[in-house]
Amino acid sequence: MKAGKQTTLGARATVSGVGVHSGLPVTLTMHPADAGTGVVFVRLDAQGRPEREIRAHARFVTATELATVLGDDTSGPCVSTIEHIMATLCGLGVDNAVVEIDGVEAPIMDGSAAAFVDAIDQVGIVALPEARRYTKVLKPIRVSKGDAYGELTPYDRGFRVDVTIDFPHPMIGRQAIALEVEAATFRREIARARTFGFMKDVSKLWSAGYALGASLENTLVVAEDRLLNPEGLRYADEFVRHKALDAIGDLALAGAPLLGAYKSVRGGHKLNHAVLCALIADPTAWTVVEAKADTRPARRGQAGAAAGLAAPAYRADA
């Protein structure tokens, strides 16, 4: 596999579970796709036939309340809670895939991206003949809301995330993590970090129609002074690692792998999306570059490395 080539899955990969908000059973199948396809979600009807199709792109995000939702103004929401599957595809360096889903939201599995990583590992990732293209950040883009902010800045060596959270709770407090988003790092540091919520918010979420499928099997539940999950944490700072997982998934909606650094302080889905939209809205802030042909074998876990970039393939306003 060459570092500068686009990739797809070696075969179809399927996972089944429940939606964390809907509580409904759902099956998600990832299929190989041709170069240039990107990631496309296909909603299936009750008979398993394609009903709606939507590209995984920031312009098709219709909601960011507790999850990232894709849809459009005409037909409304199409598929919800896509951030973990998008983070997995981005983190492992998969450029092209068709994702079929027979429910309203992606399965939550154990609350992390681990099941999606395992499914992709079973079928493998293959290189395609065409060169990979990247969305390259050209200048800083920052969005602030109160004491929270998110910022994208130029970074030629790949995609980097730097996430800080600050919760007034003794189990969490202030946590931070910064890393390069590469396959080996994603697997080791991010993929197994689970979503979390507070016991005090459960009744309010249920009454609003959220978290109907949440349980101790798929969510870290924090009470006033302790964690309710008997197995404890997978990482001492699992909370901020999961926020990094969400950020990677939300920023994977740029349309092509990002070449840039993202810093988030007290952020979430809404802020991640706002920063990406601000970037896309400014044609002077980004361009698309194409990877040079590279005949050197990629190191294990670096299929998505941003080595050897050529001149811009086209400008953002072209």
Foldseek 3Di string as FASTA:
>chain_A
DFQFFAKWFLAKFKDWAAAQQQLHTKMKIKGTDAPPAFEKEFEAEPVRHTDDIDHLALVQFDDFDVWTFGHDPPPPTAEIRCLQLLLLCQLLRHGDIYMYMHDRYDHLQQQFNVVVNVRRVVGDMDGDPFTAKAKFFDAKFKDDDVPKIKIKGGAQFFEKEKEWAADPAPLAGIDIDIDHRFNVCCVPQAGPQGAEDEPVCVVVSVVVSTRPNDDLRGYFYHYRHDTPNPVDGPDSNSHRSHQVSSLSSLLSNLSGGYRIYMYIYNDGNVNSSVRSVRQLVDQVGIFMWTADDDPDDDDPRSSNTRPHIDPTPGGSVD
